[in-house]
PDB file of all heavy atoms in Angstrom:
ATOM      1  N   ILE A   1      56.435 -52.221  19.724  1.00  0.00           N
ATOM      2  CA  ILE A   1      55.148 -52.329  20.376  1.00  0.00           C
ATOM      3  C   ILE A   1      54.086 -52.008  19.380  1.00  0.00           C
ATOM      4  O   ILE A   1      54.131 -51.007  18.654  1.00  0.00           O
ATOM      5  CB  ILE A   1      55.033 -51.324  21.552  1.00  0.00           C
ATOM      6  CG1 ILE A   1      56.055 -51.611  22.643  1.00  0.00           C
ATOM      7  CG2 ILE A   1      53.605 -51.447  22.199  1.00  0.00           C
ATOM      8  CD1 ILE A   1      56.046 -50.558  23.828  1.00  0.00           C
ATOM      9  N   VAL A   2      53.108 -52.894  19.310  1.00  0.00           N
ATOM     10  CA  VAL A   2      52.005 -52.684  18.355  1.00  0.00           C
ATOM     11  C   VAL A   2      50.639 -52.883  19.092  1.00  0.00           C
ATOM     12  O   VAL A   2      50.538 -53.761  19.898  1.00  0.00           O
ATOM     13  CB  VAL A   2      52.120 -53.619  17.168  1.00  0.00           C
ATOM     14  CG1 VAL A   2      52.071 -55.034  17.569  1.00  0.00           C
ATOM     15  CG2 VAL A   2      50.977 -53.384  16.186  1.00  0.00           C
ATOM     16  N   ILE A   3      49.682 -52.052  18.857  1.00  0.00           N
ATOM     17  CA  ILE A   3      48.374 -52.130  19.351  1.00  0.00           C
ATOM     18  C   ILE A   3      47.534 -52.782  18.124  1.00  0.00           C
ATOM     19  O   ILE A   3      47.487 -52.111  17.119  1.00  0.00           O
ATOM     20  CB  ILE A   3      47.715 -50.878  19.821  1.00  0.00           C
ATOM     21  CG1 ILE A   3      48.706 -50.096  20.762  1.00  0.00           C
ATOM     22  CG2 ILE A   3      46.374 -51.036  20.358  1.00  0.00           C
ATOM     23  CD1 ILE A   3      49.025 -50.840  21.972  1.00  0.00           C
ATOM     24  N   ILE A   4      46.760 -53.813  18.452  1.00  0.00           N
ATOM     25  CA  ILE A   4      45.989 -54.450  17.362  1.00  0.00           C
ATOM     26  C   ILE A   4      44.530 -54.446  17.940  1.00  0.00           C
ATOM     27  O   ILE A   4      44.205 -55.190  18.896  1.00  0.00           O
ATOM     28  CB  ILE A   4      46.386 -55.876  16.971  1.00  0.00           C
ATOM     29  CG1 ILE A   4      47.861 -55.882  16.542  1.00  0.00           C
ATOM     30  CG2 ILE A   4      45.492 -56.456  15.900  1.00  0.00           C
ATOM     31  CD1 ILE A   4      48.444 -57.253  16.232  1.00  0.00           C
ATOM     32  N   THR A   5      43.695 -53.630  17.408  1.00  0.00           N
ATOM     33  CA  THR A   5      42.354 -53.330  18.000  1.00  0.00           C
ATOM     34  C   THR A   5      41.253 -53.374  16.907  1.00  0.00           C
ATOM     35  O   THR A   5      41.507 -53.094  15.799  1.00  0.00           O
ATOM     36  CB  THR A   5      42.419 -52.023  18.756  1.00  0.00           C
ATOM     37  OG1 THR A   5      41.091 -51.699  19.250  1.00  0.00           O
ATOM     38  CG2 THR A   5      42.868 -50.863  17.805  1.00  0.00           C
ATOM     39  N   GLY A   6      40.077 -53.701  17.400  1.00  0.00           N
ATOM     40  CA  GLY A   6      38.875 -53.544  16.592  1.00  0.00           C
ATOM     41  C   GLY A   6      38.472 -52.096  16.378  1.00  0.00           C
ATOM     42  O   GLY A   6      37.576 -51.827  15.480  1.00  0.00           O
ATOM     43  N   ARG A   7      38.980 -51.232  17.197  1.00  0.00           N
ATOM     44  CA  ARG A   7      38.595 -49.786  17.103  1.00  0.00           C
ATOM     45  C   ARG A   7      39.142 -49.110  15.846  1.00  0.00           C
ATOM     46  O   ARG A   7      40.265 -49.536  15.371  1.00  0.00           O
ATOM     47  CB  ARG A   7      39.196 -49.022  18.285  1.00  0.00           C
ATOM     48  CG  ARG A   7      38.356 -49.109  19.547  1.00  0.00           C
ATOM     49  CD  ARG A   7      38.892 -48.116  20.524  1.00  0.00           C
ATOM     50  NE  ARG A   7      38.140 -48.254  21.810  1.00  0.00           N
ATOM     51  CZ  ARG A   7      37.046 -47.540  22.042  1.00  0.00           C
ATOM     52  NH1 ARG A   7      36.569 -46.757  21.145  1.00  0.00           N
ATOM     53  NH2 ARG A   7      36.444 -47.693  23.216  1.00  0.00           N
ATOM     54  N   PRO A   8      38.487 -48.064  15.343  1.00  0.00           N
ATOM     55  CA  PRO A   8      39.203 -47.271  14.321  1.00  0.00           C
ATOM     56  C   PRO A   8      40.480 -46.748  14.803  1.00  0.00           C
ATOM     57  O   PRO A   8      40.636 -46.435  16.035  1.00  0.00           O
ATOM     58  CB  PRO A   8      38.142 -46.144  14.046  1.00  0.00           C
ATOM     59  CG  PRO A   8      36.811 -46.735  14.399  1.00  0.00           C
ATOM     60  CD  PRO A   8      37.085 -47.713  15.581  1.00  0.00           C
ATOM     61  N   VAL A   9      41.462 -46.619  13.959  1.00  0.00           N
ATOM     62  CA  VAL A   9      42.783 -46.338  14.448  1.00  0.00           C
ATOM     63  C   VAL A   9      42.790 -44.969  15.061  1.00  0.00           C
ATOM     64  O   VAL A   9      43.576 -44.716  16.063  1.00  0.00           O
ATOM     65  CB  VAL A   9      43.747 -46.427  13.218  1.00  0.00           C
ATOM     66  CG1 VAL A   9      43.580 -45.307  12.220  1.00  0.00           C
ATOM     67  CG2 VAL A   9      45.173 -46.455  13.672  1.00  0.00           C
ATOM     68  N   ASP A  10      42.074 -43.982  14.544  1.00  0.00           N
ATOM     69  CA  ASP A  10      42.152 -42.580  15.205  1.00  0.00           C
ATOM     70  C   ASP A  10      41.539 -42.634  16.525  1.00  0.00           C
ATOM     71  O   ASP A  10      41.964 -41.960  17.409  1.00  0.00           O
ATOM     72  CB  ASP A  10      41.411 -41.625  14.274  1.00  0.00           C
ATOM     73  CG  ASP A  10      42.196 -41.426  12.921  1.00  0.00           C
ATOM     74  OD1 ASP A  10      43.352 -41.643  12.927  1.00  0.00           O
ATOM     75  OD2 ASP A  10      41.493 -40.972  11.950  1.00  0.00           O
ATOM     76  N   GLN A  11      40.482 -43.408  16.794  1.00  0.00           N
ATOM     77  CA  GLN A  11      39.942 -43.613  18.104  1.00  0.00           C
ATOM     78  C   GLN A  11      40.887 -44.132  19.113  1.00  0.00           C
ATOM     79  O   GLN A  11      41.096 -43.666  20.216  1.00  0.00           O
ATOM     80  CB  GLN A  11      38.750 -44.458  18.098  1.00  0.00           C
ATOM     81  CG  GLN A  11      37.388 -43.819  17.798  1.00  0.00           C
ATOM     82  CD  GLN A  11      36.201 -44.774  18.074  1.00  0.00           C
ATOM     83  OE1 GLN A  11      36.386 -45.891  18.556  1.00  0.00           O
ATOM     84  NE2 GLN A  11      35.019 -44.350  17.686  1.00  0.00           N
ATOM     85  N   ALA A  12      41.615 -45.187  18.680  1.00  0.00           N
ATOM     86  CA  ALA A  12      42.599 -45.795  19.506  1.00  0.00           C
ATOM     87  C   ALA A  12      43.692 -44.874  19.878  1.00  0.00           C
ATOM     88  O   ALA A  12      44.228 -44.753  21.026  1.00  0.00           O
ATOM     89  CB  ALA A  12      43.232 -47.075  18.896  1.00  0.00           C
ATOM     90  N   ARG A  13      44.160 -43.999  18.998  1.00  0.00           N
ATOM     91  CA  ARG A  13      45.196 -43.087  19.179  1.00  0.00           C
ATOM     92  C   ARG A  13      44.728 -42.078  20.250  1.00  0.00           C
ATOM     93  O   ARG A  13      45.492 -41.649  21.130  1.00  0.00           O
ATOM     94  CB  ARG A  13      45.589 -42.314  17.848  1.00  0.00           C
ATOM     95  CG  ARG A  13      46.315 -43.151  16.894  1.00  0.00           C
ATOM     96  CD  ARG A  13      46.343 -42.550  15.519  1.00  0.00           C
ATOM     97  NE  ARG A  13      47.071 -41.233  15.517  1.00  0.00           N
ATOM     98  CZ  ARG A  13      47.056 -40.458  14.511  1.00  0.00           C
ATOM     99  NH1 ARG A  13      46.400 -40.671  13.366  1.00  0.00           N
ATOM    100  NH2 ARG A  13      47.720 -39.284  14.599  1.00  0.00           N
ATOM    101  N   ARG A  14      43.512 -41.620  20.057  1.00  0.00           N
ATOM    102  CA  ARG A  14      42.934 -40.604  21.037  1.00  0.00           C
ATOM    103  C   ARG A  14      42.826 -41.139  22.416  1.00  0.00           C
ATOM    104  O   ARG A  14      43.344 -40.559  23.406  1.00  0.00           O
ATOM    105  CB  ARG A  14      41.625 -40.074  20.522  1.00  0.00           C
ATOM    106  CG  ARG A  14      40.985 -39.037  21.413  1.00  0.00           C
ATOM    107  CD  ARG A  14      39.641 -38.512  20.794  1.00  0.00           C
ATOM    108  NE  ARG A  14      38.637 -39.524  20.818  1.00  0.00           N
ATOM    109  CZ  ARG A  14      37.819 -39.836  21.869  1.00  0.00           C
ATOM    110  NH1 ARG A  14      37.932 -39.164  23.032  1.00  0.00           N
ATOM    111  NH2 ARG A  14      36.937 -40.809  21.800  1.00  0.00           N
ATOM    112  N   LEU A  15      42.147 -42.294  22.558  1.00  0.00           N
ATOM    113  CA  LEU A  15      41.874 -42.864  23.867  1.00  0.00           C
ATOM    114  C   LEU A  15      43.112 -43.443  24.434  1.00  0.00           C
ATOM    115  O   LEU A  15      43.218 -43.616  25.670  1.00  0.00           O
ATOM    116  CB  LEU A  15      40.851 -43.979  23.685  1.00  0.00           C
ATOM    117  CG  LEU A  15      39.448 -43.473  23.262  1.00  0.00           C
ATOM    118  CD1 LEU A  15      38.510 -44.633  22.968  1.00  0.00           C
ATOM    119  CD2 LEU A  15      38.784 -42.621  24.422  1.00  0.00           C
ATOM    120  N   GLY A  16      44.116 -43.882  23.646  1.00  0.00           N
ATOM    121  CA  GLY A  16      45.387 -44.309  24.183  1.00  0.00           C
ATOM    122  C   GLY A  16      46.315 -43.167  24.563  1.00  0.00           C
ATOM    123  O   GLY A  16      47.343 -43.414  25.280  1.00  0.00           O
ATOM    124  N   ARG A  17      46.086 -41.966  24.201  1.00  0.00           N
ATOM    125  CA  ARG A  17      46.962 -40.828  24.559  1.00  0.00           C
ATOM    126  C   ARG A  17      48.399 -41.087  24.167  1.00  0.00           C
ATOM    127  O   ARG A  17      49.368 -40.608  24.823  1.00  0.00           O
ATOM    128  CB  ARG A  17      46.783 -40.522  26.028  1.00  0.00           C
ATOM    129  CG  ARG A  17      45.412 -40.007  26.461  1.00  0.00           C
ATOM    130  CD  ARG A  17      45.319 -39.675  27.924  1.00  0.00           C
ATOM    131  NE  ARG A  17      44.147 -38.854  28.204  1.00  0.00           N
ATOM    132  CZ  ARG A  17      43.241 -39.135  29.154  1.00  0.00           C
ATOM    133  NH1 ARG A  17      43.413 -40.221  29.930  1.00  0.00           N
ATOM    134  NH2 ARG A  17      42.252 -38.364  29.369  1.00  0.00           N
ATOM    135  N   PHE A  18      48.586 -41.877  23.109  1.00  0.00           N
ATOM    136  CA  PHE A  18      49.925 -42.300  22.779  1.00  0.00           C
ATOM    137  C   PHE A  18      50.813 -41.158  22.355  1.00  0.00           C
ATOM    138  O   PHE A  18      52.078 -41.309  22.285  1.00  0.00           O
ATOM    139  CB  PHE A  18      49.874 -43.408  21.691  1.00  0.00           C
ATOM    140  CG  PHE A  18      49.132 -44.591  22.107  1.00  0.00           C
ATOM    141  CD1 PHE A  18      48.050 -45.003  21.300  1.00  0.00           C
ATOM    142  CD2 PHE A  18      49.338 -45.319  23.250  1.00  0.00           C
ATOM    143  CE1 PHE A  18      47.318 -46.167  21.636  1.00  0.00           C
ATOM    144  CE2 PHE A  18      48.664 -46.438  23.649  1.00  0.00           C
ATOM    145  CZ  PHE A  18      47.635 -46.857  22.783  1.00  0.00           C
ATOM    146  N   GLU A  19      50.244 -40.082  21.784  1.00  0.00           N
ATOM    147  CA  GLU A  19      51.070 -39.007  21.226  1.00  0.00           C
ATOM    148  C   GLU A  19      51.235 -37.835  22.241  1.00  0.00           C
ATOM    149  O   GLU A  19      51.743 -36.771  21.886  1.00  0.00           O
ATOM    150  CB  GLU A  19      50.389 -38.465  20.009  1.00  0.00           C
ATOM    151  CG  GLU A  19      50.264 -39.569  18.933  1.00  0.00           C
ATOM    152  CD  GLU A  19      49.255 -39.296  17.866  1.00  0.00           C
ATOM    153  OE1 GLU A  19      49.636 -38.499  16.901  1.00  0.00           O
ATOM    154  OE2 GLU A  19      48.148 -39.784  17.942  1.00  0.00           O
ATOM    155  N   GLU A  20      50.855 -38.019  23.464  1.00  0.00           N
ATOM    156  CA  GLU A  20      50.864 -36.891  24.463  1.00  0.00           C
ATOM    157  C   GLU A  20      52.193 -36.852  25.326  1.00  0.00           C
ATOM    158  O   GLU A  20      52.247 -36.202  26.258  1.00  0.00           O
ATOM    159  CB  GLU A  20      49.702 -37.051  25.357  1.00  0.00           C
ATOM    160  CG  GLU A  20      48.357 -36.756  24.649  1.00  0.00           C
ATOM    161  CD  GLU A  20      47.139 -36.934  25.561  1.00  0.00           C
ATOM    162  OE1 GLU A  20      47.340 -36.934  26.837  1.00  0.00           O
ATOM    163  OE2 GLU A  20      45.975 -36.905  25.064  1.00  0.00           O
ATOM    164  N   GLY A  21      53.128 -37.765  24.993  1.00  0.00           N
ATOM    165  CA  GLY A  21      54.365 -37.796  25.761  1.00  0.00           C
ATOM    166  C   GLY A  21      55.369 -38.676  25.056  1.00  0.00           C
ATOM    167  O   GLY A  21      55.103 -39.261  24.027  1.00  0.00           O
ATOM    168  N   PRO A  22      56.625 -38.732  25.610  1.00  0.00           N
ATOM    169  CA  PRO A  22      57.721 -39.504  25.032  1.00  0.00           C
ATOM    170  C   PRO A  22      57.583 -41.013  25.226  1.00  0.00           C
ATOM    171  O   PRO A  22      56.866 -41.489  26.100  1.00  0.00           O
ATOM    172  CB  PRO A  22      58.922 -38.885  25.708  1.00  0.00           C
ATOM    173  CG  PRO A  22      58.377 -38.600  27.077  1.00  0.00           C
ATOM    174  CD  PRO A  22      56.981 -38.120  26.917  1.00  0.00           C
ATOM    175  N   GLY A  23      58.339 -41.756  24.450  1.00  0.00           N
ATOM    176  CA  GLY A  23      58.593 -43.188  24.605  1.00  0.00           C
ATOM    177  C   GLY A  23      57.948 -44.020  23.634  1.00  0.00           C
ATOM    178  O   GLY A  23      58.390 -45.175  23.435  1.00  0.00           O
ATOM    179  N   LEU A  24      56.991 -43.550  22.898  1.00  0.00           N
ATOM    180  CA  LEU A  24      56.268 -44.369  21.950  1.00  0.00           C
ATOM    181  C   LEU A  24      56.506 -43.855  20.514  1.00  0.00           C
ATOM    182  O   LEU A  24      55.541 -44.025  19.679  1.00  0.00           O
ATOM    183  CB  LEU A  24      54.748 -44.450  22.314  1.00  0.00           C
ATOM    184  CG  LEU A  24      54.502 -45.135  23.601  1.00  0.00           C
ATOM    185  CD1 LEU A  24      53.043 -45.056  24.031  1.00  0.00           C
ATOM    186  CD2 LEU A  24      54.885 -46.636  23.642  1.00  0.00           C
ATOM    187  N   GLU A  25      57.628 -43.414  20.242  1.00  0.00           N
ATOM    188  CA  GLU A  25      57.859 -42.803  18.933  1.00  0.00           C
ATOM    189  C   GLU A  25      57.914 -43.912  17.776  1.00  0.00           C
ATOM    190  O   GLU A  25      57.831 -43.561  16.602  1.00  0.00           O
ATOM    191  CB  GLU A  25      59.251 -42.020  18.931  1.00  0.00           C
ATOM    192  CG  GLU A  25      59.186 -40.800  19.758  1.00  0.00           C
ATOM    193  CD  GLU A  25      59.340 -40.999  21.257  1.00  0.00           C
ATOM    194  OE1 GLU A  25      59.659 -42.178  21.654  1.00  0.00           O
ATOM    195  OE2 GLU A  25      59.202 -40.007  22.005  1.00  0.00           O
ATOM    196  N   ARG A  26      58.055 -45.184  18.173  1.00  0.00           N
ATOM    197  CA  ARG A  26      57.996 -46.262  17.230  1.00  0.00           C
ATOM    198  C   ARG A  26      56.742 -47.092  17.231  1.00  0.00           C
ATOM    199  O   ARG A  26      56.631 -48.213  16.605  1.00  0.00           O
ATOM    200  CB  ARG A  26      59.248 -47.144  17.422  1.00  0.00           C
ATOM    201  CG  ARG A  26      60.605 -46.375  17.089  1.00  0.00           C
ATOM    202  CD  ARG A  26      61.754 -47.391  17.304  1.00  0.00           C
ATOM    203  NE  ARG A  26      61.961 -47.811  18.643  1.00  0.00           N
ATOM    204  CZ  ARG A  26      61.911 -49.053  19.031  1.00  0.00           C
ATOM    205  NH1 ARG A  26      61.723 -50.040  18.211  1.00  0.00           N
ATOM    206  NH2 ARG A  26      62.095 -49.330  20.385  1.00  0.00           N
ATOM    207  N   LEU A  27      55.743 -46.669  18.005  1.00  0.00           N
ATOM    208  CA  LEU A  27      54.530 -47.397  18.160  1.00  0.00           C
ATOM    209  C   LEU A  27      53.843 -47.645  16.827  1.00  0.00           C
ATOM    210  O   LEU A  27      53.820 -46.674  15.986  1.00  0.00           O
ATOM    211  CB  LEU A  27      53.600 -46.652  19.157  1.00  0.00           C
ATOM    212  CG  LEU A  27      52.263 -47.282  19.407  1.00  0.00           C
ATOM    213  CD1 LEU A  27      52.385 -48.584  20.186  1.00  0.00           C
ATOM    214  CD2 LEU A  27      51.298 -46.341  20.189  1.00  0.00           C
ATOM    215  N   VAL A  28      53.193 -48.702  16.697  1.00  0.00           N
ATOM    216  CA  VAL A  28      52.311 -48.957  15.515  1.00  0.00           C
ATOM    217  C   VAL A  28      50.903 -49.266  16.120  1.00  0.00           C
ATOM    218  O   VAL A  28      50.858 -50.099  17.092  1.00  0.00           O
ATOM    219  CB  VAL A  28      52.782 -50.141  14.681  1.00  0.00           C
ATOM    220  CG1 VAL A  28      51.805 -50.535  13.576  1.00  0.00           C
ATOM    221  CG2 VAL A  28      54.168 -49.768  14.099  1.00  0.00           C
ATOM    222  N   VAL A  29      49.887 -48.690  15.536  1.00  0.00           N
ATOM    223  CA  VAL A  29      48.560 -48.974  15.909  1.00  0.00           C
ATOM    224  C   VAL A  29      47.766 -49.478  14.722  1.00  0.00           C
ATOM    225  O   VAL A  29      47.721 -48.804  13.666  1.00  0.00           O
ATOM    226  CB  VAL A  29      47.716 -47.796  16.459  1.00  0.00           C
ATOM    227  CG1 VAL A  29      46.264 -48.151  16.770  1.00  0.00           C
ATOM    228  CG2 VAL A  29      48.446 -47.202  17.708  1.00  0.00           C
ATOM    229  N   CYS A  30      47.328 -50.803  14.761  1.00  0.00           N
ATOM    230  CA  CYS A  30      46.552 -51.386  13.738  1.00  0.00           C
ATOM    231  C   CYS A  30      45.063 -51.409  14.121  1.00  0.00           C
ATOM    232  O   CYS A  30      44.670 -52.035  15.078  1.00  0.00           O
ATOM    233  CB  CYS A  30      46.999 -52.802  13.499  1.00  0.00           C
ATOM    234  SG  CYS A  30      48.766 -52.935  12.903  1.00  0.00           S
ATOM    235  N   GLY A  31      44.279 -50.508  13.477  1.00  0.00           N
ATOM    236  CA  GLY A  31      42.906 -50.433  13.778  1.00  0.00           C
ATOM    237  C   GLY A  31      41.968 -51.276  12.911  1.00  0.00           C
ATOM    238  O   GLY A  31      42.345 -51.755  11.854  1.00  0.00           O
ATOM    239  N   GLN A  32      40.702 -51.491  13.353  1.00  0.00           N
ATOM    240  CA  GLN A  32      39.732 -52.273  12.746  1.00  0.00           C
ATOM    241  C   GLN A  32      40.249 -53.615  12.327  1.00  0.00           C
ATOM    242  O   GLN A  32      40.248 -54.089  11.127  1.00  0.00           O
ATOM    243  CB  GLN A  32      39.172 -51.525  11.532  1.00  0.00           C
ATOM    244  CG  GLN A  32      38.699 -50.099  11.969  1.00  0.00           C
ATOM    245  CD  GLN A  32      37.291 -49.790  11.455  1.00  0.00           C
ATOM    246  OE1 GLN A  32      36.429 -50.648  11.372  1.00  0.00           O
ATOM    247  NE2 GLN A  32      37.098 -48.517  11.146  1.00  0.00           N
ATOM    248  N   TYR A  33      40.928 -54.300  13.210  1.00  0.00           N
ATOM    249  CA  TYR A  33      41.474 -55.678  13.142  1.00  0.00           C
ATOM    250  C   TYR A  33      42.747 -55.654  12.141  1.00  0.00           C
ATOM    251  O   TYR A  33      43.181 -56.754  11.913  1.00  0.00           O
ATOM    252  CB  TYR A  33      40.445 -56.640  12.681  1.00  0.00           C
ATOM    253  CG  TYR A  33      39.308 -56.738  13.714  1.00  0.00           C
ATOM    254  CD1 TYR A  33      38.198 -55.899  13.639  1.00  0.00           C
ATOM    255  CD2 TYR A  33      39.353 -57.625  14.685  1.00  0.00           C
ATOM    256  CE1 TYR A  33      37.187 -55.951  14.541  1.00  0.00           C
ATOM    257  CE2 TYR A  33      38.379 -57.661  15.628  1.00  0.00           C
ATOM    258  CZ  TYR A  33      37.267 -56.907  15.569  1.00  0.00           C
ATOM    259  OH  TYR A  33      36.296 -56.952  16.541  1.00  0.00           O
ATOM    260  N   GLY A  34      43.152 -54.549  11.812  1.00  0.00           N
ATOM    261  CA  GLY A  34      44.377 -54.479  10.905  1.00  0.00           C
ATOM    262  C   GLY A  34      44.098 -53.875   9.609  1.00  0.00           C
ATOM    263  O   GLY A  34      44.997 -53.672   8.793  1.00  0.00           O
ATOM    264  N   ALA A  35      42.810 -53.536   9.296  1.00  0.00           N
ATOM    265  CA  ALA A  35      42.512 -52.888   8.039  1.00  0.00           C
ATOM    266  C   ALA A  35      43.083 -51.428   7.959  1.00  0.00           C
ATOM    267  O   ALA A  35      43.392 -50.999   6.803  1.00  0.00           O
ATOM    268  CB  ALA A  35      40.989 -52.775   7.800  1.00  0.00           C
ATOM    269  N   GLU A  36      43.347 -50.881   9.133  1.00  0.00           N
ATOM    270  CA  GLU A  36      43.891 -49.510   9.165  1.00  0.00           C
ATOM    271  C   GLU A  36      45.205 -49.634   9.911  1.00  0.00           C
ATOM    272  O   GLU A  36      45.410 -50.541  10.741  1.00  0.00           O
ATOM    273  CB  GLU A  36      43.021 -48.541   9.971  1.00  0.00           C
ATOM    274  CG  GLU A  36      41.655 -48.331   9.348  1.00  0.00           C
ATOM    275  CD  GLU A  36      40.832 -47.379  10.155  1.00  0.00           C
ATOM    276  OE1 GLU A  36      40.940 -47.385  11.423  1.00  0.00           O
ATOM    277  OE2 GLU A  36      39.991 -46.654   9.577  1.00  0.00           O
ATOM    278  N   ARG A  37      46.171 -48.721   9.618  1.00  0.00           N
ATOM    279  CA  ARG A  37      47.511 -48.741  10.330  1.00  0.00           C
ATOM    280  C   ARG A  37      47.983 -47.306  10.458  1.00  0.00           C
ATOM    281  O   ARG A  37      47.932 -46.523   9.505  1.00  0.00           O
ATOM    282  CB  ARG A  37      48.451 -49.634   9.598  1.00  0.00           C
ATOM    283  CG  ARG A  37      49.837 -49.568  10.130  1.00  0.00           C
ATOM    284  CD  ARG A  37      50.759 -50.606   9.554  1.00  0.00           C
ATOM    285  NE  ARG A  37      52.155 -50.381   9.952  1.00  0.00           N
ATOM    286  CZ  ARG A  37      53.030 -51.351  10.182  1.00  0.00           C
ATOM    287  NH1 ARG A  37      52.624 -52.580  10.047  1.00  0.00           N
ATOM    288  NH2 ARG A  37      54.296 -51.090  10.443  1.00  0.00           N
ATOM    289  N   TRP A  38      48.474 -46.995  11.631  1.00  0.00           N
ATOM    290  CA  TRP A  38      49.205 -45.755  11.960  1.00  0.00           C
ATOM    291  C   TRP A  38      50.569 -46.102  12.411  1.00  0.00           C
ATOM    292  O   TRP A  38      50.712 -46.877  13.388  1.00  0.00           O
ATOM    293  CB  TRP A  38      48.441 -44.913  12.927  1.00  0.00           C
ATOM    294  CG  TRP A  38      49.206 -43.708  13.421  1.00  0.00           C
ATOM    295  CD1 TRP A  38      49.450 -42.558  12.724  1.00  0.00           C
ATOM    296  CD2 TRP A  38      49.783 -43.517  14.708  1.00  0.00           C
ATOM    297  NE1 TRP A  38      50.142 -41.678  13.499  1.00  0.00           N
ATOM    298  CE2 TRP A  38      50.386 -42.247  14.725  1.00  0.00           C
ATOM    299  CE3 TRP A  38      49.774 -44.343  15.823  1.00  0.00           C
ATOM    300  CZ2 TRP A  38      51.000 -41.722  15.850  1.00  0.00           C
ATOM    301  CZ3 TRP A  38      50.404 -43.888  16.972  1.00  0.00           C
ATOM    302  CH2 TRP A  38      50.987 -42.596  16.965  1.00  0.00           C
ATOM    303  N   ASP A  39      51.577 -45.398  11.877  1.00  0.00           N
ATOM    304  CA  ASP A  39      52.951 -45.585  12.323  1.00  0.00           C
ATOM    305  C   ASP A  39      53.456 -44.287  12.994  1.00  0.00           C
ATOM    306  O   ASP A  39      53.475 -43.184  12.287  1.00  0.00           O
ATOM    307  CB  ASP A  39      53.880 -45.893  11.177  1.00  0.00           C
ATOM    308  CG  ASP A  39      53.719 -47.307  10.676  1.00  0.00           C
ATOM    309  OD1 ASP A  39      52.792 -47.588   9.901  1.00  0.00           O
ATOM    310  OD2 ASP A  39      54.522 -48.191  11.014  1.00  0.00           O
ATOM    311  N   ALA A  40      53.678 -44.286  14.319  1.00  0.00           N
ATOM    312  CA  ALA A  40      54.164 -43.111  14.961  1.00  0.00           C
ATOM    313  C   ALA A  40      55.460 -42.532  14.361  1.00  0.00           C
ATOM    314  O   ALA A  40      55.553 -41.285  14.399  1.00  0.00           O
ATOM    315  CB  ALA A  40      54.319 -43.410  16.459  1.00  0.00           C
ATOM    316  N   SER A  41      56.292 -43.373  13.857  1.00  0.00           N
ATOM    317  CA  SER A  41      57.554 -42.904  13.398  1.00  0.00           C
ATOM    318  C   SER A  41      57.399 -41.990  12.186  1.00  0.00           C
ATOM    319  O   SER A  41      58.246 -41.069  12.021  1.00  0.00           O
ATOM    320  CB  SER A  41      58.488 -44.083  13.016  1.00  0.00           C
ATOM    321  OG  SER A  41      57.835 -44.949  12.042  1.00  0.00           O
ATOM    322  N   SER A  42      56.476 -42.239  11.362  1.00  0.00           N
ATOM    323  CA  SER A  42      56.205 -41.416  10.082  1.00  0.00           C
ATOM    324  C   SER A  42      55.035 -40.530  10.231  1.00  0.00           C
ATOM    325  O   SER A  42      54.882 -39.569   9.481  1.00  0.00           O
ATOM    326  CB  SER A  42      56.139 -42.294   8.928  1.00  0.00           C
ATOM    327  OG  SER A  42      54.957 -43.076   8.965  1.00  0.00           O
ATOM    328  N   GLY A  43      54.048 -40.876  11.091  1.00  0.00           N
ATOM    329  CA  GLY A  43      52.779 -40.145  11.196  1.00  0.00           C
ATOM    330  C   GLY A  43      51.828 -40.610  10.112  1.00  0.00           C
ATOM    331  O   GLY A  43      50.702 -40.063   9.998  1.00  0.00           O
ATOM    332  N   GLU A  44      52.205 -41.653   9.342  1.00  0.00           N
ATOM    333  CA  GLU A  44      51.316 -42.031   8.244  1.00  0.00           C
ATOM    334  C   GLU A  44      50.193 -42.871   8.694  1.00  0.00           C
ATOM    335  O   GLU A  44      50.390 -43.740   9.532  1.00  0.00           O
ATOM    336  CB  GLU A  44      52.194 -42.833   7.256  1.00  0.00           C
ATOM    337  CG  GLU A  44      51.449 -43.340   6.045  1.00  0.00           C
ATOM    338  CD  GLU A  44      52.232 -44.245   5.072  1.00  0.00           C
ATOM    339  OE1 GLU A  44      53.368 -44.628   5.452  1.00  0.00           O
ATOM    340  OE2 GLU A  44      51.744 -44.551   4.002  1.00  0.00           O
ATOM    341  N   VAL A  45      48.984 -42.597   8.156  1.00  0.00           N
ATOM    342  CA  VAL A  45      47.825 -43.417   8.360  1.00  0.00           C
ATOM    343  C   VAL A  45      47.472 -44.078   7.066  1.00  0.00           C
ATOM    344  O   VAL A  45      47.308 -43.355   6.087  1.00  0.00           O
ATOM    345  CB  VAL A  45      46.675 -42.639   8.940  1.00  0.00           C
ATOM    346  CG1 VAL A  45      45.429 -43.508   9.068  1.00  0.00           C
ATOM    347  CG2 VAL A  45      47.068 -41.966  10.221  1.00  0.00           C
ATOM    348  N   ARG A  46      47.250 -45.422   7.083  1.00  0.00           N
ATOM    349  CA  ARG A  46      46.757 -46.113   5.879  1.00  0.00           C
ATOM    350  C   ARG A  46      45.443 -46.711   6.227  1.00  0.00           C
ATOM    351  O   ARG A  46      45.273 -47.464   7.185  1.00  0.00           O
ATOM    352  CB  ARG A  46      47.790 -47.157   5.493  1.00  0.00           C
ATOM    353  CG  ARG A  46      49.020 -46.635   4.799  1.00  0.00           C
ATOM    354  CD  ARG A  46      50.056 -47.726   4.569  1.00  0.00           C
ATOM    355  NE  ARG A  46      50.853 -47.934   5.817  1.00  0.00           N
ATOM    356  CZ  ARG A  46      51.689 -48.960   5.986  1.00  0.00           C
ATOM    357  NH1 ARG A  46      51.834 -49.886   4.996  1.00  0.00           N
ATOM    358  NH2 ARG A  46      52.437 -49.070   7.042  1.00  0.00           N
TER     359      ARG A  46
END
């Protein structure tokens, strides 16, 4: 599952509440149309 949004990646993570419960440990969020990326599996933000 990947979220591809125009929002900054940290905003999308907060407003999506993706880290507040189980099930999305492999989620990827690509922010600002893909210029930013967060991988739930590693916690890495690029």
